[in-house]
Amino acid sequence: MTGSADNKYMMMALREAEIAERKGEVPVGAIVVCRDRIIARAHNLTETLNDPTAHAEMQAITAASNALAGKYLDKCSLYVTLEPCIMCAGAIFWSRPGNLVYGASDKKRGYTLAGYPVLHKKTIVSAGIMEKECSEIMKNFFKSKRKDL
């Protein structure tokens, strides 16, 4: 993908994050693109579903696998607004997307904290795409939560 395509799809993932935020969910959004076509859109649903595994990436991988009628996403790119956690990185490993593109790093729970390779060796990672915008939605969400206390 080119830089402009990455920005275009990350903007769509940000729209999913905004939907999550309106629902009171941690604002993380994900998009799966296959051959320049969006095949899945998702956002965090952990509060809505009362399910700690209902992260945006997990929802997007499931939807994309259903759309393709197969478990491997090797011809696809997964766009997510926040660096995946180790749980989601495991699902990304097993689904094998060709590309993982994320916006903001997660310095508390991101998969890169593991300190060893977690993703499939063929998955190409691009980090920091629209990082400012992706970080800002998270910061604002948690800032508003602290005000509510």
N, C-alpha and C. Protein backbone atom coordinates (compact mmCIF):
# COMPACT_ATOMS: atom_id res chain seq x y z
N MET A 1 0.85 -1.19 0.00
CA MET A 1 0.00 0.00 0.00
C MET A 1 0.88 1.24 0.00
N THR A 2 0.37 2.26 -0.60
CA THR A 2 1.10 3.52 -0.60
C THR A 2 0.71 4.34 0.62
N GLY A 3 1.49 5.37 0.90
CA GLY A 3 1.20 6.23 2.04
C GLY A 3 -0.19 6.82 1.99
N SER A 4 -0.63 7.25 0.82
CA SER A 4 -1.97 7.86 0.73
C SER A 4 -3.07 6.83 0.94
N ALA A 5 -2.86 5.60 0.46
CA ALA A 5 -3.84 4.53 0.70
C ALA A 5 -3.87 4.18 2.18
N ASP A 6 -2.70 4.12 2.81
CA ASP A 6 -2.65 3.85 4.24
C ASP A 6 -3.42 4.91 5.02
N ASN A 7 -3.23 6.16 4.67
CA ASN A 7 -3.96 7.24 5.35
C ASN A 7 -5.46 7.13 5.11
N LYS A 8 -5.85 6.82 3.90
CA LYS A 8 -7.28 6.67 3.57
C LYS A 8 -7.93 5.58 4.43
N TYR A 9 -7.29 4.43 4.51
CA TYR A 9 -7.87 3.33 5.28
C TYR A 9 -7.76 3.56 6.78
N MET A 10 -6.69 4.23 7.22
CA MET A 10 -6.59 4.54 8.65
C MET A 10 -7.67 5.53 9.05
N MET A 11 -8.01 6.45 8.17
CA MET A 11 -9.10 7.38 8.45
C MET A 11 -10.41 6.61 8.65
N MET A 12 -10.63 5.58 7.88
CA MET A 12 -11.83 4.75 8.05
C MET A 12 -11.78 3.98 9.37
N ALA A 13 -10.61 3.52 9.76
CA ALA A 13 -10.47 2.86 11.05
C ALA A 13 -10.75 3.85 12.18
N LEU A 14 -10.32 5.09 12.00
CA LEU A 14 -10.62 6.13 12.99
C LEU A 14 -12.12 6.38 13.11
N ARG A 15 -12.83 6.29 12.01
CA ARG A 15 -14.29 6.43 12.07
C ARG A 15 -14.90 5.31 12.92
N GLU A 16 -14.36 4.12 12.79
CA GLU A 16 -14.82 3.01 13.63
C GLU A 16 -14.51 3.28 15.10
N ALA A 17 -13.34 3.86 15.37
CA ALA A 17 -12.97 4.21 16.74
C ALA A 17 -13.96 5.23 17.31
N GLU A 18 -14.38 6.17 16.48
CA GLU A 18 -15.36 7.17 16.92
C GLU A 18 -16.69 6.52 17.27
N ILE A 19 -17.09 5.51 16.51
CA ILE A 19 -18.33 4.78 16.81
C ILE A 19 -18.19 4.10 18.18
N ALA A 20 -17.04 3.49 18.41
CA ALA A 20 -16.79 2.84 19.70
C ALA A 20 -16.88 3.85 20.83
N GLU A 21 -16.29 5.00 20.63
CA GLU A 21 -16.29 6.04 21.66
C GLU A 21 -17.71 6.48 22.00
N ARG A 22 -18.54 6.64 20.98
CA ARG A 22 -19.93 7.04 21.22
C ARG A 22 -20.69 5.98 22.01
N LYS A 23 -20.27 4.74 21.91
CA LYS A 23 -20.90 3.64 22.66
C LYS A 23 -20.31 3.48 24.06
N GLY A 24 -19.33 4.31 24.40
CA GLY A 24 -18.68 4.18 25.70
C GLY A 24 -17.58 3.13 25.72
N GLU A 25 -17.18 2.67 24.56
CA GLU A 25 -16.11 1.69 24.43
C GLU A 25 -14.77 2.42 24.29
N VAL A 26 -13.68 1.76 24.64
CA VAL A 26 -12.36 2.31 24.36
C VAL A 26 -12.27 2.49 22.85
N PRO A 27 -11.93 3.70 22.38
CA PRO A 27 -12.03 4.01 20.95
C PRO A 27 -10.91 3.43 20.09
N VAL A 28 -11.09 2.17 19.74
CA VAL A 28 -10.17 1.51 18.82
C VAL A 28 -11.00 1.01 17.65
N GLY A 29 -10.51 1.27 16.45
CA GLY A 29 -11.20 0.83 15.24
C GLY A 29 -10.27 0.03 14.36
N ALA A 30 -10.85 -0.84 13.55
CA ALA A 30 -10.07 -1.68 12.64
C ALA A 30 -10.80 -1.85 11.31
N ILE A 31 -10.02 -1.99 10.27
CA ILE A 31 -10.51 -2.19 8.90
C ILE A 31 -9.67 -3.30 8.28
N VAL A 32 -10.28 -4.19 7.52
CA VAL A 32 -9.52 -5.17 6.74
C VAL A 32 -9.79 -4.87 5.27
N VAL A 33 -8.69 -4.72 4.53
CA VAL A 33 -8.75 -4.40 3.10
C VAL A 33 -8.14 -5.57 2.33
N CYS A 34 -8.86 -6.01 1.31
CA CYS A 34 -8.38 -7.08 0.45
C CYS A 34 -8.55 -6.64 -1.00
N ARG A 35 -7.45 -6.56 -1.71
CA ARG A 35 -7.46 -6.13 -3.12
C ARG A 35 -8.19 -4.79 -3.29
N ASP A 36 -7.81 -3.83 -2.48
CA ASP A 36 -8.35 -2.46 -2.50
C ASP A 36 -9.85 -2.38 -2.22
N ARG A 37 -10.38 -3.37 -1.52
CA ARG A 37 -11.79 -3.37 -1.14
C ARG A 37 -11.89 -3.66 0.35
N ILE A 38 -12.68 -2.87 1.04
CA ILE A 38 -12.88 -3.10 2.48
C ILE A 38 -13.80 -4.31 2.63
N ILE A 39 -13.32 -5.32 3.34
CA ILE A 39 -14.14 -6.52 3.56
C ILE A 39 -14.60 -6.64 5.00
N ALA A 40 -14.06 -5.80 5.89
CA ALA A 40 -14.49 -5.84 7.28
C ALA A 40 -14.21 -4.50 7.95
N ARG A 41 -15.15 -4.09 8.80
CA ARG A 41 -15.02 -2.90 9.64
C ARG A 41 -15.40 -3.32 11.04
N ALA A 42 -14.67 -2.82 12.02
CA ALA A 42 -14.99 -3.22 13.39
C ALA A 42 -14.46 -2.19 14.38
N HIS A 43 -14.98 -2.28 15.59
CA HIS A 43 -14.51 -1.44 16.69
C HIS A 43 -14.65 -2.25 17.98
N ASN A 44 -14.04 -1.74 19.03
CA ASN A 44 -14.12 -2.44 20.31
C ASN A 44 -15.57 -2.64 20.73
N LEU A 45 -15.85 -3.81 21.25
CA LEU A 45 -17.19 -4.15 21.75
C LEU A 45 -17.11 -4.84 23.11
N THR A 46 -16.02 -4.64 23.84
CA THR A 46 -15.85 -5.36 25.10
C THR A 46 -16.91 -5.02 26.13
N GLU A 47 -17.31 -3.76 26.19
CA GLU A 47 -18.35 -3.35 27.15
C GLU A 47 -19.73 -3.79 26.67
N THR A 48 -20.00 -3.57 25.40
CA THR A 48 -21.29 -3.91 24.81
C THR A 48 -21.59 -5.40 24.94
N LEU A 49 -20.59 -6.23 24.65
CA LEU A 49 -20.77 -7.69 24.69
C LEU A 49 -20.37 -8.31 26.02
N ASN A 50 -19.84 -7.48 26.92
CA ASN A 50 -19.34 -7.98 28.20
C ASN A 50 -18.36 -9.13 27.95
N ASP A 51 -17.43 -8.87 27.02
CA ASP A 51 -16.50 -9.88 26.56
C ASP A 51 -15.10 -9.28 26.43
N PRO A 52 -14.16 -9.68 27.27
CA PRO A 52 -12.82 -9.10 27.21
C PRO A 52 -12.06 -9.41 25.93
N THR A 53 -12.55 -10.34 25.13
CA THR A 53 -11.87 -10.66 23.87
C THR A 53 -12.45 -9.91 22.67
N ALA A 54 -13.45 -9.08 22.88
CA ALA A 54 -14.14 -8.41 21.77
C ALA A 54 -13.42 -7.14 21.33
N HIS A 55 -12.10 -7.25 21.15
CA HIS A 55 -11.31 -6.12 20.65
C HIS A 55 -11.61 -5.89 19.17
N ALA A 56 -11.34 -4.69 18.72
CA ALA A 56 -11.60 -4.32 17.32
C ALA A 56 -10.93 -5.28 16.34
N GLU A 57 -9.68 -5.64 16.63
CA GLU A 57 -8.94 -6.53 15.73
C GLU A 57 -9.59 -7.90 15.66
N MET A 58 -10.02 -8.42 16.79
CA MET A 58 -10.65 -9.74 16.83
C MET A 58 -11.95 -9.73 16.03
N GLN A 59 -12.73 -8.67 16.20
CA GLN A 59 -13.99 -8.53 15.47
C GLN A 59 -13.72 -8.43 13.96
N ALA A 60 -12.70 -7.66 13.59
CA ALA A 60 -12.38 -7.46 12.17
C ALA A 60 -11.86 -8.75 11.54
N ILE A 61 -11.02 -9.48 12.25
CA ILE A 61 -10.49 -10.74 11.72
C ILE A 61 -11.62 -11.74 11.49
N THR A 62 -12.52 -11.84 12.45
CA THR A 62 -13.65 -12.76 12.31
C THR A 62 -14.52 -12.38 11.10
N ALA A 63 -14.84 -11.09 10.99
CA ALA A 63 -15.68 -10.63 9.87
C ALA A 63 -14.98 -10.86 8.53
N ALA A 64 -13.68 -10.58 8.47
CA ALA A 64 -12.94 -10.76 7.21
C ALA A 64 -12.85 -12.24 6.84
N SER A 65 -12.61 -13.09 7.82
CA SER A 65 -12.54 -14.53 7.55
C SER A 65 -13.88 -15.04 7.03
N ASN A 66 -14.96 -14.54 7.60
CA ASN A 66 -16.30 -14.91 7.12
C ASN A 66 -16.52 -14.41 5.70
N ALA A 67 -16.10 -13.18 5.43
CA ALA A 67 -16.27 -12.60 4.08
C ALA A 67 -15.51 -13.40 3.03
N LEU A 68 -14.34 -13.90 3.40
CA LEU A 68 -13.51 -14.65 2.45
C LEU A 68 -13.78 -16.15 2.49
N ALA A 69 -14.57 -16.60 3.46
CA ALA A 69 -14.83 -18.02 3.66
C ALA A 69 -13.52 -18.80 3.83
N GLY A 70 -12.60 -18.18 4.57
CA GLY A 70 -11.31 -18.82 4.85
C GLY A 70 -10.63 -18.15 6.02
N LYS A 71 -9.73 -18.87 6.67
CA LYS A 71 -9.11 -18.34 7.88
C LYS A 71 -7.85 -17.53 7.64
N TYR A 72 -7.27 -17.60 6.46
CA TYR A 72 -6.05 -16.86 6.19
C TYR A 72 -6.33 -15.56 5.44
N LEU A 73 -5.73 -14.51 5.93
CA LEU A 73 -5.92 -13.17 5.34
C LEU A 73 -4.65 -12.70 4.66
N ASP A 74 -3.92 -13.62 4.05
CA ASP A 74 -2.61 -13.31 3.49
C ASP A 74 -2.63 -12.29 2.35
N LYS A 75 -3.75 -12.12 1.71
CA LYS A 75 -3.87 -11.12 0.64
C LYS A 75 -4.47 -9.82 1.15
N CYS A 76 -4.56 -9.69 2.47
CA CYS A 76 -5.25 -8.56 3.10
C CYS A 76 -4.32 -7.70 3.93
N SER A 77 -4.80 -6.50 4.20
CA SER A 77 -4.13 -5.59 5.13
C SER A 77 -5.10 -5.28 6.26
N LEU A 78 -4.59 -5.37 7.49
CA LEU A 78 -5.36 -5.04 8.68
C LEU A 78 -4.90 -3.68 9.16
N TYR A 79 -5.83 -2.73 9.23
CA TYR A 79 -5.56 -1.38 9.73
C TYR A 79 -6.21 -1.27 11.09
N VAL A 80 -5.45 -0.82 12.08
CA VAL A 80 -5.99 -0.65 13.42
C VAL A 80 -5.41 0.62 14.02
N THR A 81 -6.24 1.34 14.74
CA THR A 81 -5.83 2.65 15.26
C THR A 81 -4.83 2.57 16.40
N LEU A 82 -4.78 1.44 17.10
CA LEU A 82 -3.88 1.27 18.23
C LEU A 82 -3.10 -0.02 18.06
N GLU A 83 -1.84 0.00 18.45
CA GLU A 83 -1.01 -1.20 18.40
C GLU A 83 -1.74 -2.36 19.08
N PRO A 84 -1.84 -3.48 18.41
CA PRO A 84 -2.54 -4.63 18.99
C PRO A 84 -1.89 -5.12 20.29
N CYS A 85 -2.72 -5.64 21.18
CA CYS A 85 -2.23 -6.28 22.40
C CYS A 85 -1.70 -7.67 22.03
N ILE A 86 -1.15 -8.35 22.99
CA ILE A 86 -0.58 -9.67 22.74
C ILE A 86 -1.66 -10.68 22.33
N MET A 87 -2.88 -10.57 22.89
CA MET A 87 -3.97 -11.47 22.50
C MET A 87 -4.30 -11.28 21.02
N CYS A 88 -4.46 -10.04 20.62
CA CYS A 88 -4.79 -9.75 19.22
C CYS A 88 -3.64 -10.11 18.29
N ALA A 89 -2.40 -9.90 18.77
CA ALA A 89 -1.24 -10.28 17.96
C ALA A 89 -1.25 -11.79 17.71
N GLY A 90 -1.69 -12.57 18.69
CA GLY A 90 -1.81 -14.01 18.48
C GLY A 90 -2.82 -14.34 17.39
N ALA A 91 -3.95 -13.64 17.42
CA ALA A 91 -4.97 -13.85 16.37
C ALA A 91 -4.45 -13.39 15.01
N ILE A 92 -3.69 -12.30 15.02
CA ILE A 92 -3.09 -11.80 13.77
C ILE A 92 -2.09 -12.84 13.26
N PHE A 93 -1.31 -13.43 14.16
CA PHE A 93 -0.37 -14.48 13.75
C PHE A 93 -1.12 -15.60 13.03
N TRP A 94 -2.20 -16.09 13.64
CA TRP A 94 -2.92 -17.23 13.08
C TRP A 94 -3.67 -16.89 11.79
N SER A 95 -4.13 -15.65 11.65
CA SER A 95 -4.87 -15.27 10.44
C SER A 95 -3.94 -14.81 9.32
N ARG A 96 -2.70 -14.51 9.65
CA ARG A 96 -1.64 -14.21 8.68
C ARG A 96 -1.94 -13.10 7.66
N PRO A 97 -2.39 -11.93 8.08
CA PRO A 97 -2.57 -10.88 7.08
C PRO A 97 -1.23 -10.52 6.44
N GLY A 98 -1.28 -10.11 5.19
CA GLY A 98 -0.05 -9.70 4.51
C GLY A 98 0.56 -8.47 5.14
N ASN A 99 -0.31 -7.58 5.63
CA ASN A 99 0.14 -6.33 6.23
C ASN A 99 -0.64 -6.02 7.49
N LEU A 100 0.07 -5.51 8.48
CA LEU A 100 -0.54 -4.93 9.67
C LEU A 100 -0.12 -3.47 9.69
N VAL A 101 -1.10 -2.59 9.71
CA VAL A 101 -0.83 -1.15 9.73
C VAL A 101 -1.52 -0.59 10.97
N TYR A 102 -0.75 0.03 11.86
CA TYR A 102 -1.39 0.62 13.04
C TYR A 102 -0.93 2.05 13.25
N GLY A 103 -1.77 2.78 13.98
CA GLY A 103 -1.52 4.19 14.22
C GLY A 103 -0.68 4.44 15.45
N ALA A 104 -1.31 4.46 16.60
CA ALA A 104 -0.63 4.80 17.85
C ALA A 104 0.00 3.55 18.48
N SER A 105 1.15 3.73 19.08
CA SER A 105 1.78 2.67 19.86
C SER A 105 1.06 2.57 21.20
N ASP A 106 1.04 1.36 21.75
CA ASP A 106 0.46 1.15 23.08
C ASP A 106 1.60 0.79 24.02
N LYS A 107 2.07 1.77 24.75
CA LYS A 107 3.24 1.60 25.61
C LYS A 107 2.96 0.80 26.88
N LYS A 108 1.69 0.49 27.14
CA LYS A 108 1.34 -0.31 28.32
C LYS A 108 0.96 -1.74 27.99
N ARG A 109 0.31 -1.95 26.83
CA ARG A 109 -0.20 -3.28 26.52
C ARG A 109 0.06 -3.75 25.09
N GLY A 110 0.88 -3.03 24.35
CA GLY A 110 1.15 -3.39 22.96
C GLY A 110 1.97 -4.66 22.83
N TYR A 111 1.77 -5.36 21.73
CA TYR A 111 2.46 -6.63 21.51
C TYR A 111 3.97 -6.48 21.42
N THR A 112 4.46 -5.32 21.03
CA THR A 112 5.92 -5.15 20.90
C THR A 112 6.62 -5.20 22.26
N LEU A 113 5.87 -5.04 23.34
CA LEU A 113 6.45 -5.14 24.68
C LEU A 113 6.89 -6.57 25.00
N ALA A 114 6.40 -7.55 24.26
CA ALA A 114 6.74 -8.95 24.52
C ALA A 114 8.26 -9.16 24.40
N GLY A 115 8.89 -8.40 23.53
CA GLY A 115 10.34 -8.51 23.38
C GLY A 115 10.81 -9.65 22.50
N TYR A 116 9.89 -10.32 21.84
CA TYR A 116 10.24 -11.39 20.91
C TYR A 116 9.23 -11.37 19.77
N PRO A 117 9.56 -11.98 18.63
CA PRO A 117 8.63 -11.96 17.49
C PRO A 117 7.31 -12.63 17.84
N VAL A 118 6.21 -11.94 17.57
CA VAL A 118 4.89 -12.45 17.89
C VAL A 118 4.08 -12.68 16.61
N LEU A 119 4.28 -11.86 15.61
CA LEU A 119 3.52 -11.95 14.37
C LEU A 119 4.15 -12.97 13.41
N HIS A 120 3.36 -13.40 12.44
CA HIS A 120 3.86 -14.31 11.41
C HIS A 120 5.00 -13.62 10.66
N LYS A 121 6.01 -14.38 10.31
CA LYS A 121 7.20 -13.79 9.68
C LYS A 121 6.91 -13.12 8.33
N LYS A 122 5.82 -13.48 7.68
CA LYS A 122 5.48 -12.88 6.39
C LYS A 122 4.62 -11.62 6.51
N THR A 123 4.13 -11.31 7.70
CA THR A 123 3.31 -10.11 7.89
C THR A 123 4.21 -8.89 7.95
N ILE A 124 3.95 -7.94 7.08
CA ILE A 124 4.72 -6.70 7.04
C ILE A 124 4.02 -5.67 7.92
N VAL A 125 4.77 -5.06 8.83
CA VAL A 125 4.20 -4.12 9.79
C VAL A 125 4.59 -2.69 9.43
N SER A 126 3.59 -1.81 9.44
CA SER A 126 3.81 -0.37 9.31
C SER A 126 3.18 0.29 10.53
N ALA A 127 3.99 0.99 11.30
CA ALA A 127 3.52 1.63 12.52
C ALA A 127 3.57 3.14 12.38
N GLY A 128 2.74 3.82 13.16
CA GLY A 128 2.78 5.27 13.21
C GLY A 128 2.00 5.97 12.10
N ILE A 129 1.12 5.26 11.42
CA ILE A 129 0.30 5.88 10.37
C ILE A 129 -0.79 6.70 11.05
N MET A 130 -0.81 7.98 10.78
CA MET A 130 -1.75 8.92 11.41
C MET A 130 -1.66 8.81 12.94
N GLU A 131 -0.46 8.68 13.43
CA GLU A 131 -0.23 8.45 14.86
C GLU A 131 -0.83 9.55 15.73
N LYS A 132 -0.70 10.78 15.32
CA LYS A 132 -1.22 11.90 16.12
C LYS A 132 -2.72 11.78 16.31
N GLU A 133 -3.45 11.56 15.23
CA GLU A 133 -4.91 11.44 15.31
C GLU A 133 -5.33 10.22 16.13
N CYS A 134 -4.63 9.11 15.93
CA CYS A 134 -4.96 7.87 16.65
C CYS A 134 -4.66 8.01 18.15
N SER A 135 -3.59 8.69 18.48
CA SER A 135 -3.26 8.93 19.89
C SER A 135 -4.25 9.88 20.54
N GLU A 136 -4.62 10.90 19.80
CA GLU A 136 -5.49 11.95 20.33
C GLU A 136 -6.85 11.41 20.76
N ILE A 137 -7.45 10.54 19.96
CA ILE A 137 -8.77 10.02 20.32
C ILE A 137 -8.68 9.21 21.62
N MET A 138 -7.59 8.48 21.80
CA MET A 138 -7.41 7.70 23.03
C MET A 138 -7.20 8.63 24.23
N LYS A 139 -6.33 9.61 24.07
CA LYS A 139 -6.06 10.56 25.17
C LYS A 139 -7.32 11.28 25.60
N ASN A 140 -8.09 11.75 24.63
CA ASN A 140 -9.32 12.48 24.95
C ASN A 140 -10.35 11.59 25.64
N PHE A 141 -10.44 10.35 25.21
CA PHE A 141 -11.38 9.40 25.83
C PHE A 141 -11.05 9.20 27.30
N PHE A 142 -9.81 8.90 27.59
CA PHE A 142 -9.42 8.63 28.98
C PHE A 142 -9.42 9.90 29.83
N LYS A 143 -9.15 11.02 29.21
CA LYS A 143 -9.24 12.31 29.93
C LYS A 143 -10.68 12.56 30.36
N SER A 144 -11.63 12.30 29.47
CA SER A 144 -13.05 12.50 29.81
C SER A 144 -13.49 11.49 30.87
N LYS A 145 -12.96 10.28 30.86
CA LYS A 145 -13.30 9.28 31.87
C LYS A 145 -12.83 9.72 33.25
N ARG A 146 -11.64 10.32 33.31
CA ARG A 146 -11.10 10.79 34.59
C ARG A 146 -11.94 11.93 35.14
N LYS A 147 -12.46 12.78 34.25
CA LYS A 147 -13.33 13.90 34.68
C LYS A 147 -14.62 13.37 35.30
N ASP A 148 -15.11 12.26 34.78
CA ASP A 148 -16.38 11.68 35.26
C ASP A 148 -16.27 11.09 36.67
N LEU A 149 -15.04 10.84 37.13
CA LEU A 149 -14.87 10.20 38.45
C LEU A 149 -15.13 11.13 39.57
